[in-house]
Full PDB file with SEQRES, HELIX, SHEET, SSBOND, CRYST1, ORIGX, SCALE, CONECT and MASTER records, all heavy atoms in Angstrom:
SEQRES   1 A   31  ARG ARG GLU THR ASP GLN ASP GLU VAL ILE SER SER SER          
SEQRES   2 A   31  ALA ILE ARG LYS ALA SER SER ARG LEU PRO LEU ALA LEU          
SEQRES   3 A   31  THR ARG SER VAL PRO                                          
HELIX    1 AA1 SER A   12  SER A   20  1                                   9    
HELIX    2 AA2 LEU A   24  LEU A   26  5                                   3    
SHEET    1 AA1 2 THR A   4  ASP A   5  0                                        
SHEET    2 AA1 2 GLU A   8  VAL A   9 -1                                        
CRYST1    1.000    1.000    1.000  90.00  90.00  90.00 P 1           1          
ORIGX1      1.000000  0.000000  0.000000        0.00000                         
ORIGX2      0.000000  1.000000  0.000000        0.00000                         
ORIGX3      0.000000  0.000000  1.000000        0.00000                         
SCALE1      1.000000  0.000000  0.000000        0.00000                         
SCALE2      0.000000  1.000000  0.000000        0.00000                         
SCALE3      0.000000  0.000000  1.000000        0.00000                         
ATOM      1  N   ARG A   1      25.710   1.130 -63.204  1.00  0.00           N  
ATOM      2  CA  ARG A   1      25.975   1.973 -62.051  1.00  0.00           C  
ATOM      3  C   ARG A   1      24.854   1.894 -61.043  1.00  0.00           C  
ATOM      4  O   ARG A   1      23.680   1.808 -61.404  1.00  0.00           O  
ATOM      5  CB  ARG A   1      26.180   3.419 -62.473  1.00  0.00           C  
ATOM      6  CG  ARG A   1      27.411   3.640 -63.360  1.00  0.00           C  
ATOM      7  CD  ARG A   1      27.715   5.105 -63.504  1.00  0.00           C  
ATOM      8  NE  ARG A   1      28.024   5.750 -62.229  1.00  0.00           N  
ATOM      9  CZ  ARG A   1      28.381   7.014 -62.109  1.00  0.00           C  
ATOM     10  NH1 ARG A   1      28.426   7.814 -63.149  1.00  0.00           N  
ATOM     11  NH2 ARG A   1      28.656   7.501 -60.937  1.00  0.00           N  
ATOM     12  N   ARG A   2      25.222   1.954 -59.781  1.00  0.00           N  
ATOM     13  CA  ARG A   2      24.231   1.837 -58.720  1.00  0.00           C  
ATOM     14  C   ARG A   2      23.377   3.101 -58.638  1.00  0.00           C  
ATOM     15  O   ARG A   2      23.855   4.205 -58.841  1.00  0.00           O  
ATOM     16  CB  ARG A   2      24.891   1.548 -57.390  1.00  0.00           C  
ATOM     17  CG  ARG A   2      25.523   0.166 -57.319  1.00  0.00           C  
ATOM     18  CD  ARG A   2      26.180  -0.087 -55.983  1.00  0.00           C  
ATOM     19  NE  ARG A   2      27.405   0.674 -55.848  1.00  0.00           N  
ATOM     20  CZ  ARG A   2      28.218   0.579 -54.787  1.00  0.00           C  
ATOM     21  NH1 ARG A   2      27.932  -0.234 -53.802  1.00  0.00           N  
ATOM     22  NH2 ARG A   2      29.313   1.297 -54.744  1.00  0.00           N  
ATOM     23  N   GLU A   3      22.097   2.888 -58.313  1.00  0.00           N  
ATOM     24  CA  GLU A   3      21.184   4.011 -58.098  1.00  0.00           C  
ATOM     25  C   GLU A   3      21.488   4.672 -56.759  1.00  0.00           C  
ATOM     26  O   GLU A   3      21.926   4.009 -55.788  1.00  0.00           O  
ATOM     27  CB  GLU A   3      19.735   3.496 -58.091  1.00  0.00           C  
ATOM     28  CG  GLU A   3      19.237   2.911 -59.401  1.00  0.00           C  
ATOM     29  CD  GLU A   3      18.909   3.992 -60.416  1.00  0.00           C  
ATOM     30  OE1 GLU A   3      18.210   4.981 -60.036  1.00  0.00           O  
ATOM     31  OE2 GLU A   3      19.349   3.869 -61.575  1.00  0.00           O  
ATOM     32  N   THR A   4      21.304   5.967 -56.691  1.00  0.00           N  
ATOM     33  CA  THR A   4      21.500   6.707 -55.454  1.00  0.00           C  
ATOM     34  C   THR A   4      20.316   7.566 -55.129  1.00  0.00           C  
ATOM     35  O   THR A   4      19.486   7.882 -55.969  1.00  0.00           O  
ATOM     36  CB  THR A   4      22.757   7.632 -55.535  1.00  0.00           C  
ATOM     37  OG1 THR A   4      22.558   8.564 -56.599  1.00  0.00           O  
ATOM     38  CG2 THR A   4      24.021   6.815 -55.827  1.00  0.00           C  
ATOM     39  N   ASP A   5      20.203   7.925 -53.837  1.00  0.00           N  
ATOM     40  CA  ASP A   5      19.156   8.796 -53.382  1.00  0.00           C  
ATOM     41  C   ASP A   5      19.841   9.783 -52.412  1.00  0.00           C  
ATOM     42  O   ASP A   5      20.333   9.406 -51.353  1.00  0.00           O  
ATOM     43  CB  ASP A   5      18.052   8.017 -52.648  1.00  0.00           C  
ATOM     44  CG  ASP A   5      16.955   8.915 -52.129  1.00  0.00           C  
ATOM     45  OD1 ASP A   5      16.679   9.930 -52.815  1.00  0.00           O  
ATOM     46  OD2 ASP A   5      16.389   8.628 -51.072  1.00  0.00           O  
ATOM     47  N   GLN A   6      19.914  11.046 -52.824  1.00  0.00           N  
ATOM     48  CA  GLN A   6      20.591  12.076 -52.050  1.00  0.00           C  
ATOM     49  C   GLN A   6      22.007  11.636 -51.678  1.00  0.00           C  
ATOM     50  O   GLN A   6      22.434  11.702 -50.551  1.00  0.00           O  
ATOM     51  CB  GLN A   6      19.760  12.401 -50.780  1.00  0.00           C  
ATOM     52  CG  GLN A   6      18.418  12.966 -51.063  1.00  0.00           C  
ATOM     53  CD  GLN A   6      17.605  13.261 -49.839  1.00  0.00           C  
ATOM     54  OE1 GLN A   6      18.014  12.953 -48.727  1.00  0.00           O  
ATOM     55  NE2 GLN A   6      16.453  13.892 -50.005  1.00  0.00           N  
ATOM     56  N   ASP A   7      22.728  11.170 -52.721  1.00  0.00           N  
ATOM     57  CA  ASP A   7      24.111  10.753 -52.623  1.00  0.00           C  
ATOM     58  C   ASP A   7      24.329   9.473 -51.834  1.00  0.00           C  
ATOM     59  O   ASP A   7      25.492   9.058 -51.580  1.00  0.00           O  
ATOM     60  CB  ASP A   7      24.989  11.860 -52.017  1.00  0.00           C  
ATOM     61  CG  ASP A   7      25.027  13.126 -52.882  1.00  0.00           C  
ATOM     62  OD1 ASP A   7      24.976  12.961 -54.114  1.00  0.00           O  
ATOM     63  OD2 ASP A   7      25.073  14.231 -52.330  1.00  0.00           O  
ATOM     64  N   GLU A   8      23.260   8.806 -51.392  1.00  0.00           N  
ATOM     65  CA  GLU A   8      23.405   7.538 -50.718  1.00  0.00           C  
ATOM     66  C   GLU A   8      23.064   6.406 -51.668  1.00  0.00           C  
ATOM     67  O   GLU A   8      22.021   6.428 -52.349  1.00  0.00           O  
ATOM     68  CB  GLU A   8      22.485   7.470 -49.506  1.00  0.00           C  
ATOM     69  CG  GLU A   8      22.639   6.172 -48.689  1.00  0.00           C  
ATOM     70  CD  GLU A   8      21.784   6.178 -47.457  1.00  0.00           C  
ATOM     71  OE1 GLU A   8      21.160   7.190 -47.129  1.00  0.00           O  
ATOM     72  OE2 GLU A   8      21.760   5.132 -46.776  1.00  0.00           O  
ATOM     73  N   VAL A   9      23.938   5.403 -51.735  1.00  0.00           N  
ATOM     74  CA  VAL A   9      23.701   4.254 -52.616  1.00  0.00           C  
ATOM     75  C   VAL A   9      22.481   3.483 -52.141  1.00  0.00           C  
ATOM     76  O   VAL A   9      22.322   3.219 -50.952  1.00  0.00           O  
ATOM     77  CB  VAL A   9      24.948   3.340 -52.631  1.00  0.00           C  
ATOM     78  CG1 VAL A   9      24.633   2.048 -53.394  1.00  0.00           C  
ATOM     79  CG2 VAL A   9      26.119   4.055 -53.277  1.00  0.00           C  
ATOM     80  N   ILE A  10      21.607   3.153 -53.089  1.00  0.00           N  
ATOM     81  CA  ILE A  10      20.427   2.350 -52.791  1.00  0.00           C  
ATOM     82  C   ILE A  10      20.821   0.887 -52.862  1.00  0.00           C  
ATOM     83  O   ILE A  10      21.281   0.414 -53.904  1.00  0.00           O  
ATOM     84  CB  ILE A  10      19.295   2.663 -53.780  1.00  0.00           C  
ATOM     85  CG1 ILE A  10      18.851   4.126 -53.635  1.00  0.00           C  
ATOM     86  CG2 ILE A  10      18.097   1.731 -53.531  1.00  0.00           C  
ATOM     87  CD1 ILE A  10      17.831   4.534 -54.668  1.00  0.00           C  
ATOM     88  N   SER A  11      20.653   0.186 -51.782  1.00  0.00           N  
ATOM     89  CA  SER A  11      20.963  -1.237 -51.741  1.00  0.00           C  
ATOM     90  C   SER A  11      20.088  -1.896 -50.699  1.00  0.00           C  
ATOM     91  O   SER A  11      19.552  -1.242 -49.779  1.00  0.00           O  
ATOM     92  CB  SER A  11      22.434  -1.475 -51.384  1.00  0.00           C  
ATOM     93  OG  SER A  11      22.692  -1.118 -50.050  1.00  0.00           O  
ATOM     94  N   SER A  12      19.951  -3.201 -50.792  1.00  0.00           N  
ATOM     95  CA  SER A  12      19.193  -3.967 -49.788  1.00  0.00           C  
ATOM     96  C   SER A  12      19.853  -3.786 -48.403  1.00  0.00           C  
ATOM     97  O   SER A  12      19.180  -3.658 -47.409  1.00  0.00           O  
ATOM     98  CB  SER A  12      19.089  -5.432 -50.166  1.00  0.00           C  
ATOM     99  OG  SER A  12      18.395  -5.594 -51.351  1.00  0.00           O  
ATOM    100  N   SER A  13      21.161  -3.797 -48.381  1.00  0.00           N  
ATOM    101  CA  SER A  13      21.884  -3.659 -47.084  1.00  0.00           C  
ATOM    102  C   SER A  13      21.565  -2.315 -46.476  1.00  0.00           C  
ATOM    103  O   SER A  13      21.362  -2.228 -45.234  1.00  0.00           O  
ATOM    104  CB  SER A  13      23.379  -3.816 -47.300  1.00  0.00           C  
ATOM    105  OG  SER A  13      23.694  -5.098 -47.767  1.00  0.00           O  
ATOM    106  N   ALA A  14      21.540  -1.240 -47.281  1.00  0.00           N  
ATOM    107  CA  ALA A  14      21.245   0.082 -46.745  1.00  0.00           C  
ATOM    108  C   ALA A  14      19.822   0.170 -46.217  1.00  0.00           C  
ATOM    109  O   ALA A  14      19.566   0.789 -45.180  1.00  0.00           O  
ATOM    110  CB  ALA A  14      21.470   1.138 -47.831  1.00  0.00           C  
ATOM    111  N   ILE A  15      18.892  -0.484 -46.909  1.00  0.00           N  
ATOM    112  CA  ILE A  15      17.472  -0.461 -46.459  1.00  0.00           C  
ATOM    113  C   ILE A  15      17.381  -1.242 -45.149  1.00  0.00           C  
ATOM    114  O   ILE A  15      16.706  -0.793 -44.234  1.00  0.00           O  
ATOM    115  CB  ILE A  15      16.551  -1.066 -47.548  1.00  0.00           C  
ATOM    116  CG1 ILE A  15      16.580  -0.168 -48.794  1.00  0.00           C  
ATOM    117  CG2 ILE A  15      15.157  -1.206 -47.003  1.00  0.00           C  
ATOM    118  CD1 ILE A  15      15.823  -0.761 -49.961  1.00  0.00           C  
ATOM    119  N   ARG A  16      18.046  -2.383 -45.054  1.00  0.00           N  
ATOM    120  CA  ARG A  16      18.013  -3.152 -43.802  1.00  0.00           C  
ATOM    121  C   ARG A  16      18.571  -2.324 -42.661  1.00  0.00           C  
ATOM    122  O   ARG A  16      18.024  -2.298 -41.556  1.00  0.00           O  
ATOM    123  CB  ARG A  16      18.778  -4.458 -43.942  1.00  0.00           C  
ATOM    124  CG  ARG A  16      18.205  -5.463 -44.891  1.00  0.00           C  
ATOM    125  CD  ARG A  16      18.961  -6.767 -44.850  1.00  0.00           C  
ATOM    126  NE  ARG A  16      18.634  -7.618 -45.983  1.00  0.00           N  
ATOM    127  CZ  ARG A  16      19.478  -7.825 -47.000  1.00  0.00           C  
ATOM    128  NH1 ARG A  16      20.689  -7.257 -46.985  1.00  0.00           N  
ATOM    129  NH2 ARG A  16      19.118  -8.582 -48.009  1.00  0.00           N  
ATOM    130  N   LYS A  17      19.679  -1.663 -42.915  1.00  0.00           N  
ATOM    131  CA  LYS A  17      20.337  -0.864 -41.871  1.00  0.00           C  
ATOM    132  C   LYS A  17      19.446   0.278 -41.428  1.00  0.00           C  
ATOM    133  O   LYS A  17      19.300   0.540 -40.230  1.00  0.00           O  
ATOM    134  CB  LYS A  17      21.677  -0.323 -42.397  1.00  0.00           C  
ATOM    135  CG  LYS A  17      22.471   0.462 -41.340  1.00  0.00           C  
ATOM    136  CD  LYS A  17      23.811   0.904 -41.942  1.00  0.00           C  
ATOM    137  CE  LYS A  17      24.585   1.691 -40.896  1.00  0.00           C  
ATOM    138  NZ  LYS A  17      25.919   2.140 -41.484  1.00  0.00           N  
ATOM    139  N   ALA A  18      18.827   0.969 -42.411  1.00  0.00           N  
ATOM    140  CA  ALA A  18      17.970   2.102 -42.062  1.00  0.00           C  
ATOM    141  C   ALA A  18      16.772   1.629 -41.294  1.00  0.00           C  
ATOM    142  O   ALA A  18      16.363   2.274 -40.300  1.00  0.00           O  
ATOM    143  CB  ALA A  18      17.556   2.828 -43.337  1.00  0.00           C  
ATOM    144  N   SER A  19      16.152   0.505 -41.699  1.00  0.00           N  
ATOM    145  CA  SER A  19      14.971   0.041 -41.032  1.00  0.00           C  
ATOM    146  C   SER A  19      15.249  -0.482 -39.664  1.00  0.00           C  
ATOM    147  O   SER A  19      14.384  -0.476 -38.769  1.00  0.00           O  
ATOM    148  CB  SER A  19      14.264  -1.008 -41.890  1.00  0.00           C  
ATOM    149  OG  SER A  19      15.084  -2.126 -42.027  1.00  0.00           O  
ATOM    150  N   SER A  20      16.482  -0.977 -39.404  1.00  0.00           N  
ATOM    151  CA  SER A  20      16.793  -1.519 -38.099  1.00  0.00           C  
ATOM    152  C   SER A  20      16.832  -0.430 -37.041  1.00  0.00           C  
ATOM    153  O   SER A  20      16.757  -0.730 -35.826  1.00  0.00           O  
ATOM    154  CB  SER A  20      18.157  -2.232 -38.136  1.00  0.00           C  
ATOM    155  OG  SER A  20      19.213  -1.276 -38.320  1.00  0.00           O  
ATOM    156  N   ARG A  21      16.907   0.851 -37.452  1.00  0.00           N  
ATOM    157  CA  ARG A  21      16.919   1.930 -36.475  1.00  0.00           C  
ATOM    158  C   ARG A  21      15.527   2.451 -36.150  1.00  0.00           C  
ATOM    159  O   ARG A  21      15.335   3.342 -35.343  1.00  0.00           O  
ATOM    160  CB  ARG A  21      17.769   3.085 -37.041  1.00  0.00           C  
ATOM    161  CG  ARG A  21      19.238   2.726 -37.246  1.00  0.00           C  
ATOM    162  CD  ARG A  21      20.073   3.967 -37.482  1.00  0.00           C  
ATOM    163  NE  ARG A  21      19.694   4.637 -38.739  1.00  0.00           N  
ATOM    164  CZ  ARG A  21      20.343   4.448 -39.891  1.00  0.00           C  
ATOM    165  NH1 ARG A  21      21.333   3.588 -39.964  1.00  0.00           N  
ATOM    166  NH2 ARG A  21      19.980   5.074 -40.969  1.00  0.00           N  
ATOM    167  N   LEU A  22      14.498   1.881 -36.855  1.00  0.00           N  
ATOM    168  CA  LEU A  22      13.130   2.309 -36.613  1.00  0.00           C  
ATOM    169  C   LEU A  22      12.500   1.548 -35.490  1.00  0.00           C  
ATOM    170  O   LEU A  22      12.840   0.383 -35.223  1.00  0.00           O  
ATOM    171  CB  LEU A  22      12.289   2.089 -37.899  1.00  0.00           C  
ATOM    172  CG  LEU A  22      12.670   2.907 -39.129  1.00  0.00           C  
ATOM    173  CD1 LEU A  22      11.954   2.368 -40.342  1.00  0.00           C  
ATOM    174  CD2 LEU A  22      12.318   4.386 -38.918  1.00  0.00           C  
ATOM    175  N   PRO A  23      11.574   2.165 -34.726  1.00  0.00           N  
ATOM    176  CA  PRO A  23      10.840   1.414 -33.720  1.00  0.00           C  
ATOM    177  C   PRO A  23      10.097   0.268 -34.343  1.00  0.00           C  
ATOM    178  O   PRO A  23       9.600   0.359 -35.445  1.00  0.00           O  
ATOM    179  CB  PRO A  23       9.846   2.469 -33.175  1.00  0.00           C  
ATOM    180  CG  PRO A  23      10.462   3.792 -33.519  1.00  0.00           C  
ATOM    181  CD  PRO A  23      11.177   3.578 -34.820  1.00  0.00           C  
ATOM    182  N   LEU A  24      10.005  -0.849 -33.619  1.00  0.00           N  
ATOM    183  CA  LEU A  24       9.384  -2.031 -34.136  1.00  0.00           C  
ATOM    184  C   LEU A  24       7.986  -1.795 -34.648  1.00  0.00           C  
ATOM    185  O   LEU A  24       7.549  -2.311 -35.655  1.00  0.00           O  
ATOM    186  CB  LEU A  24       9.367  -3.136 -33.081  1.00  0.00           C  
ATOM    187  CG  LEU A  24       8.769  -4.473 -33.479  1.00  0.00           C  
ATOM    188  CD1 LEU A  24       9.584  -5.070 -34.620  1.00  0.00           C  
ATOM    189  CD2 LEU A  24       8.717  -5.415 -32.291  1.00  0.00           C  
ATOM    190  N   ALA A  25       7.242  -0.917 -33.972  1.00  0.00           N  
ATOM    191  CA  ALA A  25       5.849  -0.658 -34.331  1.00  0.00           C  
ATOM    192  C   ALA A  25       5.734   0.007 -35.697  1.00  0.00           C  
ATOM    193  O   ALA A  25       4.675  -0.023 -36.309  1.00  0.00           O  
ATOM    194  CB  ALA A  25       5.188   0.224 -33.285  1.00  0.00           C  
ATOM    195  N   LEU A  26       6.832   0.613 -36.172  1.00  0.00           N  
ATOM    196  CA  LEU A  26       6.758   1.346 -37.460  1.00  0.00           C  
ATOM    197  C   LEU A  26       7.239   0.485 -38.621  1.00  0.00           C  
ATOM    198  O   LEU A  26       7.152   0.930 -39.728  1.00  0.00           O  
ATOM    199  CB  LEU A  26       7.648   2.599 -37.364  1.00  0.00           C  
ATOM    200  CG  LEU A  26       7.220   3.662 -36.357  1.00  0.00           C  
ATOM    201  CD1 LEU A  26       8.216   4.830 -36.411  1.00  0.00           C  
ATOM    202  CD2 LEU A  26       5.799   4.153 -36.624  1.00  0.00           C  
ATOM    203  N   THR A  27       7.777  -0.702 -38.340  1.00  0.00           N  
ATOM    204  CA  THR A  27       8.423  -1.425 -39.429  1.00  0.00           C  
ATOM    205  C   THR A  27       7.450  -2.169 -40.348  1.00  0.00           C  
ATOM    206  O   THR A  27       7.891  -2.737 -41.332  1.00  0.00           O  
ATOM    207  CB  THR A  27       9.419  -2.443 -38.842  1.00  0.00           C  
ATOM    208  OG1 THR A  27       8.752  -3.370 -37.986  1.00  0.00           O  
ATOM    209  CG2 THR A  27      10.537  -1.743 -38.102  1.00  0.00           C  
ATOM    210  N   ARG A  28       6.165  -2.186 -40.061  1.00  0.00           N  
ATOM    211  CA  ARG A  28       5.245  -2.930 -40.950  1.00  0.00           C  
ATOM    212  C   ARG A  28       5.020  -2.164 -42.244  1.00  0.00           C  
ATOM    213  O   ARG A  28       4.865  -2.774 -43.287  1.00  0.00           O  
ATOM    214  CB  ARG A  28       3.925  -3.164 -40.244  1.00  0.00           C  
ATOM    215  CG  ARG A  28       4.007  -4.240 -39.155  1.00  0.00           C  
ATOM    216  CD  ARG A  28       2.643  -4.825 -38.911  1.00  0.00           C  
ATOM    217  NE  ARG A  28       2.061  -5.440 -40.083  1.00  0.00           N  
ATOM    218  CZ  ARG A  28       2.355  -6.701 -40.472  1.00  0.00           C  
ATOM    219  NH1 ARG A  28       3.224  -7.400 -39.821  1.00  0.00           N  
ATOM    220  NH2 ARG A  28       1.779  -7.198 -41.544  1.00  0.00           N  
ATOM    221  N   SER A  29       4.993  -0.841 -42.235  1.00  0.00           N  
ATOM    222  CA  SER A  29       4.781  -0.089 -43.459  1.00  0.00           C  
ATOM    223  C   SER A  29       5.460   1.241 -43.339  1.00  0.00           C  
ATOM    224  O   SER A  29       4.955   2.139 -42.637  1.00  0.00           O  
ATOM    225  CB  SER A  29       3.286   0.068 -43.745  1.00  0.00           C  
ATOM    226  OG  SER A  29       3.069   0.718 -44.972  1.00  0.00           O  
ATOM    227  N   VAL A  30       6.576   1.375 -43.977  1.00  0.00           N  
ATOM    228  CA  VAL A  30       7.439   2.521 -43.811  1.00  0.00           C  
ATOM    229  C   VAL A  30       7.610   3.265 -45.099  1.00  0.00           C  
ATOM    230  O   VAL A  30       7.987   2.695 -46.115  1.00  0.00           O  
ATOM    231  CB  VAL A  30       8.821   2.111 -43.280  1.00  0.00           C  
ATOM    232  CG1 VAL A  30       9.701   3.308 -43.028  1.00  0.00           C  
ATOM    233  CG2 VAL A  30       8.682   1.277 -42.024  1.00  0.00           C  
ATOM    234  N   PRO A  31       7.312   4.580 -45.118  1.00  0.00           N  
ATOM    235  CA  PRO A  31       7.596   5.353 -46.361  1.00  0.00           C  
ATOM    236  C   PRO A  31       9.101   5.481 -46.566  1.00  0.00           C  
ATOM    237  O   PRO A  31       9.821   5.952 -45.686  1.00  0.00           O  
ATOM    238  CB  PRO A  31       6.927   6.702 -46.090  1.00  0.00           C  
ATOM    239  CG  PRO A  31       6.925   6.836 -44.586  1.00  0.00           C  
ATOM    240  CD  PRO A  31       6.784   5.442 -44.082  1.00  0.00           C  
TER     241      PRO A  31                                                      
MASTER        0    0    0    2    2    0    0    6  240    1    0    3          
END                                                                             
């Protein structure tokens, strides 16, 4: 079963999507 975080499935696609909304200056090291 897939891992979730606050009911959101954790996946590489989800991480890419979330990070694409961040300002470029913040994408080098993001909590």
